[in-house]
C-alpha cells in the first residue's frame, strides 16, 4: 500500500483532532464534585475593536464574572469588574477590582487587611519623623 505525503498529512491531522477532542468519563464513586459539568446561564461578550470591551458570564453553580475595559492613558488596558462564587458554607464571596496605570486593586471582605498599629507604635513613628525632620540621625 502506497501512502502519499498528502494522505499521510490528512491522517496525522485526523489523529490530532481525535486526540484533542473532549474525553468524557462515566461517573464513578470517586468522581469529585468539581468534575461535574455545569450549565452556562449567560456568556455575553462585546469588543468594539478600539480597545473598549465588556463581558458577563454566569454559571449555574453560582460563579459569575463581569468586567469592562478601555484603553488607558499610557497604552495599557484599564479594567474594572467583579467575580462571585459560592463558598463551601453556602455564603456568596464577591471580589471587585480595578486594574489601571496605578496597578491592580481588589476589594472584598474576604481579603485580609493589616491590623491597625497600636497607639504607642504610632507615637514612636511620629517622634522618629520629627527627629528626621530636625536632622537627628542615629
N, C-alpha and C. Protein backbone atom coordinates (compact mmCIF):
# COMPACT_ATOMS: atom_id res chain seq x y z
N UNK A 1 0.85 -1.17 0.00
CA UNK A 1 0.00 0.00 0.00
C UNK A 1 0.90 1.24 0.00
N UNK A 2 0.65 2.12 -0.94
CA UNK A 2 1.44 3.34 -1.07
C UNK A 2 0.64 4.50 -0.50
N UNK A 3 1.29 5.23 0.45
CA UNK A 3 0.64 6.40 1.06
C UNK A 3 1.40 7.63 0.62
N UNK A 4 0.68 8.54 -0.01
CA UNK A 4 1.34 9.77 -0.46
C UNK A 4 1.51 10.72 0.74
N UNK A 5 2.32 11.73 0.54
CA UNK A 5 2.57 12.70 1.59
C UNK A 5 1.28 13.43 1.98
N UNK A 6 0.42 13.75 1.01
CA UNK A 6 -0.86 14.41 1.30
C UNK A 6 -1.76 13.52 2.15
N UNK A 7 -1.83 12.25 1.81
CA UNK A 7 -2.65 11.31 2.56
C UNK A 7 -2.13 11.18 3.98
N UNK A 8 -0.82 11.10 4.11
CA UNK A 8 -0.21 10.99 5.43
C UNK A 8 -0.51 12.24 6.27
N UNK A 9 -0.43 13.42 5.67
CA UNK A 9 -0.71 14.67 6.39
C UNK A 9 -2.16 14.70 6.86
N UNK A 10 -3.09 14.24 6.01
CA UNK A 10 -4.50 14.21 6.38
C UNK A 10 -4.71 13.25 7.55
N UNK A 11 -4.08 12.08 7.50
CA UNK A 11 -4.22 11.11 8.58
C UNK A 11 -3.65 11.65 9.90
N UNK A 12 -2.54 12.35 9.84
CA UNK A 12 -1.95 12.94 11.04
C UNK A 12 -2.89 14.00 11.62
N UNK A 13 -3.48 14.83 10.76
CA UNK A 13 -4.42 15.85 11.23
C UNK A 13 -5.65 15.21 11.87
N UNK A 14 -6.18 14.17 11.27
CA UNK A 14 -7.34 13.48 11.85
C UNK A 14 -6.99 12.87 13.21
N UNK A 15 -5.81 12.30 13.33
CA UNK A 15 -5.38 11.73 14.61
C UNK A 15 -5.25 12.82 15.66
N UNK A 16 -4.74 13.99 15.27
CA UNK A 16 -4.59 15.11 16.22
C UNK A 16 -5.96 15.60 16.68
N UNK A 17 -6.91 15.70 15.76
CA UNK A 17 -8.26 16.14 16.12
C UNK A 17 -8.90 15.13 17.06
N UNK A 18 -8.74 13.85 16.78
CA UNK A 18 -9.33 12.82 17.64
C UNK A 18 -8.70 12.86 19.03
N UNK A 19 -7.41 13.07 19.11
CA UNK A 19 -6.73 13.11 20.41
C UNK A 19 -7.11 14.36 21.20
N UNK A 20 -7.42 15.45 20.52
CA UNK A 20 -7.74 16.71 21.19
C UNK A 20 -9.21 16.82 21.58
N UNK A 21 -10.05 15.91 21.10
CA UNK A 21 -11.48 16.01 21.41
C UNK A 21 -11.71 15.75 22.89
N UNK A 22 -12.78 16.32 23.46
CA UNK A 22 -13.05 16.12 24.89
C UNK A 22 -13.23 14.65 25.22
N UNK A 23 -12.67 14.24 26.32
CA UNK A 23 -12.78 12.86 26.76
C UNK A 23 -13.75 12.82 27.94
N UNK A 24 -14.93 12.27 27.72
CA UNK A 24 -15.93 12.19 28.78
C UNK A 24 -15.84 10.83 29.45
N UNK A 25 -15.87 10.83 30.78
CA UNK A 25 -15.82 9.59 31.53
C UNK A 25 -17.17 9.34 32.17
N UNK A 26 -17.47 8.08 32.33
CA UNK A 26 -18.68 7.73 33.07
C UNK A 26 -18.44 8.03 34.53
N UNK A 27 -19.42 8.61 35.22
CA UNK A 27 -19.23 8.92 36.63
C UNK A 27 -18.97 7.66 37.45
N UNK A 28 -18.09 7.76 38.40
CA UNK A 28 -17.80 6.65 39.31
C UNK A 28 -18.01 7.14 40.73
N UNK A 29 -17.84 6.26 41.68
CA UNK A 29 -17.97 6.66 43.08
C UNK A 29 -16.90 7.66 43.48
N UNK A 30 -15.79 7.68 42.75
CA UNK A 30 -14.68 8.55 43.09
C UNK A 30 -14.74 9.89 42.37
N UNK A 31 -15.79 10.13 41.60
CA UNK A 31 -15.90 11.40 40.89
C UNK A 31 -16.04 12.53 41.91
N UNK A 32 -15.20 13.53 41.75
CA UNK A 32 -15.24 14.68 42.65
C UNK A 32 -16.35 15.62 42.22
N UNK A 33 -16.86 16.37 43.18
CA UNK A 33 -17.93 17.33 42.88
C UNK A 33 -17.46 18.34 41.85
N UNK A 34 -16.19 18.75 41.88
CA UNK A 34 -15.68 19.75 40.96
C UNK A 34 -15.63 19.26 39.52
N UNK A 35 -15.73 17.98 39.31
CA UNK A 35 -15.63 17.43 37.96
C UNK A 35 -16.97 17.39 37.24
N UNK A 36 -18.04 17.71 37.93
CA UNK A 36 -19.34 17.65 37.25
C UNK A 36 -19.47 18.78 36.25
N UNK A 37 -20.26 18.55 35.23
CA UNK A 37 -20.46 19.59 34.23
C UNK A 37 -21.47 20.61 34.76
N UNK A 38 -21.25 21.85 34.42
CA UNK A 38 -22.08 22.95 34.90
C UNK A 38 -22.63 23.70 33.70
N UNK A 39 -23.91 24.00 33.74
CA UNK A 39 -24.53 24.74 32.64
C UNK A 39 -24.13 26.22 32.70
N UNK A 40 -23.88 26.77 31.54
CA UNK A 40 -23.58 28.20 31.42
C UNK A 40 -24.90 28.92 31.20
N UNK A 41 -25.24 29.82 32.11
CA UNK A 41 -26.51 30.54 32.03
C UNK A 41 -26.41 31.79 31.17
N UNK A 42 -25.23 32.42 31.19
CA UNK A 42 -25.05 33.64 30.41
C UNK A 42 -23.58 33.76 30.03
N UNK A 43 -23.32 34.15 28.80
CA UNK A 43 -21.97 34.41 28.33
C UNK A 43 -22.06 35.50 27.27
N UNK A 44 -22.03 36.74 27.72
CA UNK A 44 -22.13 37.90 26.83
C UNK A 44 -20.77 38.56 26.72
N UNK A 45 -20.33 38.82 25.50
CA UNK A 45 -19.04 39.49 25.28
C UNK A 45 -19.22 40.52 24.17
N UNK A 46 -18.62 41.68 24.40
CA UNK A 46 -18.64 42.72 23.38
C UNK A 46 -17.26 43.34 23.29
N UNK A 47 -16.77 43.47 22.08
CA UNK A 47 -15.47 44.09 21.83
C UNK A 47 -15.68 45.06 20.67
N UNK A 48 -15.50 46.35 20.93
CA UNK A 48 -15.77 47.34 19.89
C UNK A 48 -14.62 47.46 18.90
N UNK A 49 -13.49 46.80 19.18
CA UNK A 49 -12.37 46.85 18.25
C UNK A 49 -11.42 48.02 18.47
N UNK A 50 -11.79 48.94 19.35
CA UNK A 50 -10.93 50.10 19.61
C UNK A 50 -10.33 50.05 21.02
N UNK A 51 -10.37 48.87 21.63
CA UNK A 51 -9.84 48.71 22.98
C UNK A 51 -10.90 48.71 24.06
N UNK A 52 -12.12 49.08 23.72
CA UNK A 52 -13.23 49.05 24.67
C UNK A 52 -13.92 47.69 24.60
N UNK A 53 -14.19 47.12 25.75
CA UNK A 53 -14.83 45.80 25.77
C UNK A 53 -15.58 45.62 27.08
N UNK A 54 -16.48 44.64 27.09
CA UNK A 54 -17.13 44.22 28.33
C UNK A 54 -17.58 42.77 28.19
N UNK A 55 -17.75 42.12 29.32
CA UNK A 55 -18.17 40.73 29.32
C UNK A 55 -18.95 40.43 30.60
N UNK A 56 -19.85 39.47 30.49
CA UNK A 56 -20.64 38.97 31.62
C UNK A 56 -20.77 37.47 31.45
N UNK A 57 -20.46 36.74 32.51
CA UNK A 57 -20.50 35.29 32.47
C UNK A 57 -21.17 34.82 33.76
N UNK A 58 -22.08 33.84 33.63
CA UNK A 58 -22.71 33.27 34.81
C UNK A 58 -22.96 31.79 34.59
N UNK A 59 -22.62 30.99 35.59
CA UNK A 59 -22.82 29.55 35.53
C UNK A 59 -23.84 29.13 36.59
N UNK A 60 -24.44 27.97 36.39
CA UNK A 60 -25.49 27.52 37.31
C UNK A 60 -24.99 27.22 38.71
N UNK A 61 -23.69 27.06 38.89
CA UNK A 61 -23.13 26.77 40.22
C UNK A 61 -22.87 28.02 41.04
N UNK A 62 -23.29 29.20 40.56
CA UNK A 62 -23.14 30.44 41.32
C UNK A 62 -21.93 31.26 40.94
N UNK A 63 -21.08 30.76 40.07
CA UNK A 63 -19.92 31.53 39.64
C UNK A 63 -20.38 32.56 38.62
N UNK A 64 -19.96 33.81 38.84
CA UNK A 64 -20.23 34.84 37.84
C UNK A 64 -19.04 35.79 37.77
N UNK A 65 -18.81 36.30 36.58
CA UNK A 65 -17.69 37.20 36.32
C UNK A 65 -18.21 38.29 35.40
N UNK A 66 -17.87 39.54 35.71
CA UNK A 66 -18.22 40.62 34.81
C UNK A 66 -17.08 41.62 34.81
N UNK A 67 -16.91 42.28 33.70
CA UNK A 67 -15.84 43.26 33.61
C UNK A 67 -16.00 44.13 32.39
N UNK A 68 -15.28 45.24 32.42
CA UNK A 68 -15.26 46.13 31.28
C UNK A 68 -13.88 46.75 31.22
N UNK A 69 -13.51 47.19 30.04
CA UNK A 69 -12.20 47.77 29.87
C UNK A 69 -12.17 48.82 28.80
N UNK A 70 -11.15 49.65 28.89
CA UNK A 70 -10.96 50.73 27.92
C UNK A 70 -9.47 51.02 27.84
N UNK A 71 -9.01 51.59 26.73
CA UNK A 71 -7.60 51.93 26.62
C UNK A 71 -7.20 52.94 27.70
N UNK A 72 -6.01 52.74 28.27
CA UNK A 72 -5.52 53.65 29.31
C UNK A 72 -4.64 54.74 28.74
N UNK A 73 -4.30 55.68 29.58
CA UNK A 73 -3.54 56.85 29.16
C UNK A 73 -2.10 56.52 28.79
N UNK A 74 -1.59 55.37 29.26
CA UNK A 74 -0.21 55.00 28.97
C UNK A 74 -0.11 53.75 28.12
N UNK A 75 -1.15 53.46 27.35
CA UNK A 75 -1.14 52.33 26.44
C UNK A 75 -1.65 51.03 27.03
N UNK A 76 -1.94 50.99 28.31
CA UNK A 76 -2.43 49.78 28.95
C UNK A 76 -3.94 49.67 28.79
N UNK A 77 -4.49 48.52 29.16
CA UNK A 77 -5.93 48.36 29.22
C UNK A 77 -6.37 48.63 30.64
N UNK A 78 -7.25 49.58 30.84
CA UNK A 78 -7.85 49.83 32.15
C UNK A 78 -9.07 48.93 32.26
N UNK A 79 -9.14 48.19 33.36
CA UNK A 79 -10.25 47.26 33.55
C UNK A 79 -10.87 47.45 34.92
N UNK A 80 -12.13 47.13 35.00
CA UNK A 80 -12.81 47.06 36.28
C UNK A 80 -13.87 45.98 36.18
N UNK A 81 -14.15 45.35 37.29
CA UNK A 81 -15.14 44.30 37.26
C UNK A 81 -15.27 43.61 38.60
N UNK A 82 -15.88 42.44 38.56
CA UNK A 82 -16.07 41.68 39.78
C UNK A 82 -16.22 40.21 39.43
N UNK A 83 -16.00 39.38 40.43
CA UNK A 83 -16.31 37.96 40.30
C UNK A 83 -16.92 37.48 41.59
N UNK A 84 -17.76 36.47 41.47
CA UNK A 84 -18.53 35.98 42.61
C UNK A 84 -18.60 34.46 42.54
N UNK A 85 -18.55 33.82 43.69
CA UNK A 85 -18.67 32.37 43.76
C UNK A 85 -19.22 31.99 45.13
N UNK A 86 -19.71 30.76 45.24
CA UNK A 86 -20.30 30.28 46.48
C UNK A 86 -19.23 29.55 47.30
N UNK A 87 -19.13 29.91 48.55
CA UNK A 87 -18.20 29.25 49.47
C UNK A 87 -18.79 27.93 49.95
N UNK A 88 -17.97 27.03 50.48
CA UNK A 88 -18.49 25.74 50.94
C UNK A 88 -19.62 25.85 51.97
N UNK A 89 -19.64 26.92 52.76
CA UNK A 89 -20.71 27.07 53.75
C UNK A 89 -21.98 27.68 53.16
N UNK A 90 -21.98 27.96 51.85
CA UNK A 90 -23.17 28.47 51.18
C UNK A 90 -23.22 29.98 51.04
N UNK A 91 -22.33 30.71 51.69
CA UNK A 91 -22.32 32.16 51.55
C UNK A 91 -21.68 32.55 50.22
N UNK A 92 -22.02 33.74 49.77
CA UNK A 92 -21.52 34.24 48.50
C UNK A 92 -20.27 35.08 48.74
N UNK A 93 -19.22 34.78 48.02
CA UNK A 93 -17.99 35.57 48.07
C UNK A 93 -17.95 36.45 46.83
N UNK A 94 -17.65 37.72 47.02
CA UNK A 94 -17.56 38.63 45.88
C UNK A 94 -16.31 39.48 46.01
N UNK A 95 -15.62 39.65 44.88
CA UNK A 95 -14.43 40.48 44.82
C UNK A 95 -14.64 41.49 43.70
N UNK A 96 -14.42 42.76 44.00
CA UNK A 96 -14.47 43.82 42.99
C UNK A 96 -13.05 44.29 42.76
N UNK A 97 -12.73 44.63 41.51
CA UNK A 97 -11.35 45.02 41.22
C UNK A 97 -11.28 46.14 40.20
N UNK A 98 -10.15 46.83 40.22
CA UNK A 98 -9.79 47.84 39.24
C UNK A 98 -8.34 47.58 38.87
N UNK A 99 -8.05 47.62 37.60
CA UNK A 99 -6.68 47.49 37.11
C UNK A 99 -6.44 48.62 36.12
N UNK A 100 -5.47 49.48 36.43
CA UNK A 100 -5.20 50.62 35.57
C UNK A 100 -3.73 51.02 35.71
N UNK A 101 -3.39 52.24 35.31
CA UNK A 101 -1.99 52.68 35.37
C UNK A 101 -1.46 52.73 36.80
N UNK A 102 -2.32 52.64 37.79
CA UNK A 102 -1.90 52.63 39.19
C UNK A 102 -1.78 51.22 39.75
N UNK A 103 -2.01 50.19 38.92
CA UNK A 103 -1.88 48.81 39.36
C UNK A 103 -3.22 48.12 39.53
N UNK A 104 -3.17 46.96 40.17
CA UNK A 104 -4.36 46.14 40.42
C UNK A 104 -4.80 46.34 41.86
N UNK A 105 -6.09 46.66 42.05
CA UNK A 105 -6.63 46.84 43.38
C UNK A 105 -7.92 46.04 43.50
N UNK A 106 -7.95 45.15 44.48
CA UNK A 106 -9.14 44.33 44.71
C UNK A 106 -9.74 44.69 46.05
N UNK A 107 -11.05 44.62 46.14
CA UNK A 107 -11.77 44.91 47.38
C UNK A 107 -12.74 43.78 47.67
N UNK A 108 -12.68 43.29 48.90
CA UNK A 108 -13.60 42.25 49.34
C UNK A 108 -13.43 42.08 50.84
N UNK A 109 -14.50 41.77 51.55
CA UNK A 109 -14.36 41.46 52.97
C UNK A 109 -13.50 40.20 53.18
N UNK A 110 -13.31 39.40 52.15
CA UNK A 110 -12.52 38.17 52.26
C UNK A 110 -11.02 38.42 52.22
N UNK A 111 -10.60 39.58 51.71
CA UNK A 111 -9.18 39.86 51.57
C UNK A 111 -8.65 40.34 52.92
N UNK A 112 -7.63 39.66 53.44
CA UNK A 112 -7.08 40.08 54.74
C UNK A 112 -6.50 41.49 54.67
N UNK A 113 -6.62 42.20 55.75
CA UNK A 113 -6.04 43.54 55.84
C UNK A 113 -5.07 43.57 57.02
N UNK A 114 -4.18 44.54 56.98
CA UNK A 114 -3.24 44.70 58.09
C UNK A 114 -4.00 45.12 59.34
N UNK A 115 -3.49 44.66 60.48
CA UNK A 115 -4.06 45.10 61.75
C UNK A 115 -3.64 46.55 61.99
N UNK A 116 -4.48 47.34 62.61
CA UNK A 116 -4.08 48.72 62.90
C UNK A 116 -2.91 48.72 63.89
N UNK A 117 -2.04 49.71 63.73
CA UNK A 117 -0.90 49.84 64.64
C UNK A 117 -1.38 50.29 66.01
N UNK A 118 -0.75 49.79 67.07
CA UNK A 118 -1.11 50.26 68.41
C UNK A 118 -0.67 51.71 68.58
N UNK A 119 -1.30 52.39 69.52
CA UNK A 119 -1.06 53.81 69.73
C UNK A 119 0.41 54.11 70.02
N UNK A 120 1.09 53.25 70.82
CA UNK A 120 2.50 53.54 71.15
C UNK A 120 3.39 53.45 69.91
N UNK A 121 3.06 52.57 68.96
CA UNK A 121 3.85 52.47 67.73
C UNK A 121 3.64 53.71 66.87
N UNK A 122 2.43 54.19 66.80
CA UNK A 122 2.15 55.41 66.03
C UNK A 122 2.91 56.58 66.64
N UNK A 123 2.95 56.66 67.97
CA UNK A 123 3.69 57.73 68.64
C UNK A 123 5.19 57.63 68.35
N UNK A 124 5.74 56.41 68.33
CA UNK A 124 7.16 56.24 68.01
C UNK A 124 7.47 56.68 66.59
N UNK A 125 6.59 56.38 65.67
CA UNK A 125 6.78 56.80 64.29
C UNK A 125 6.74 58.32 64.19
N UNK A 126 5.80 58.95 64.90
CA UNK A 126 5.70 60.40 64.89
C UNK A 126 6.98 61.04 65.44
N UNK A 127 7.52 60.50 66.54
CA UNK A 127 8.75 61.03 67.13
C UNK A 127 9.92 60.86 66.16
N UNK A 128 10.02 59.69 65.52
CA UNK A 128 11.10 59.45 64.57
C UNK A 128 11.02 60.41 63.39
N UNK A 129 9.81 60.66 62.90
CA UNK A 129 9.65 61.60 61.78
C UNK A 129 10.05 63.01 62.20
N UNK A 130 9.70 63.39 63.41
CA UNK A 130 10.09 64.71 63.93
C UNK A 130 11.61 64.81 64.04
N UNK A 131 12.27 63.77 64.56
CA UNK A 131 13.73 63.77 64.67
C UNK A 131 14.37 63.83 63.30
N UNK A 132 13.85 63.11 62.36
CA UNK A 132 14.40 63.12 61.00
C UNK A 132 14.25 64.50 60.38
N UNK A 133 13.12 65.17 60.64
CA UNK A 133 12.89 66.50 60.11
C UNK A 133 13.90 67.49 60.71
N UNK A 134 14.29 67.29 61.95
CA UNK A 134 15.27 68.17 62.61
C UNK A 134 16.71 67.82 62.24
N UNK A 135 16.89 66.71 61.51
CA UNK A 135 18.24 66.31 61.12
C UNK A 135 18.92 65.39 62.13
N UNK A 136 18.18 64.92 63.10
CA UNK A 136 18.74 64.00 64.12
C UNK A 136 18.78 62.59 63.51
N UNK A 137 19.95 62.00 63.48
CA UNK A 137 20.09 60.62 62.98
C UNK A 137 20.85 59.81 64.01
N UNK A 138 20.68 58.54 63.96
CA UNK A 138 21.37 57.62 64.88
C UNK A 138 22.23 56.66 64.11
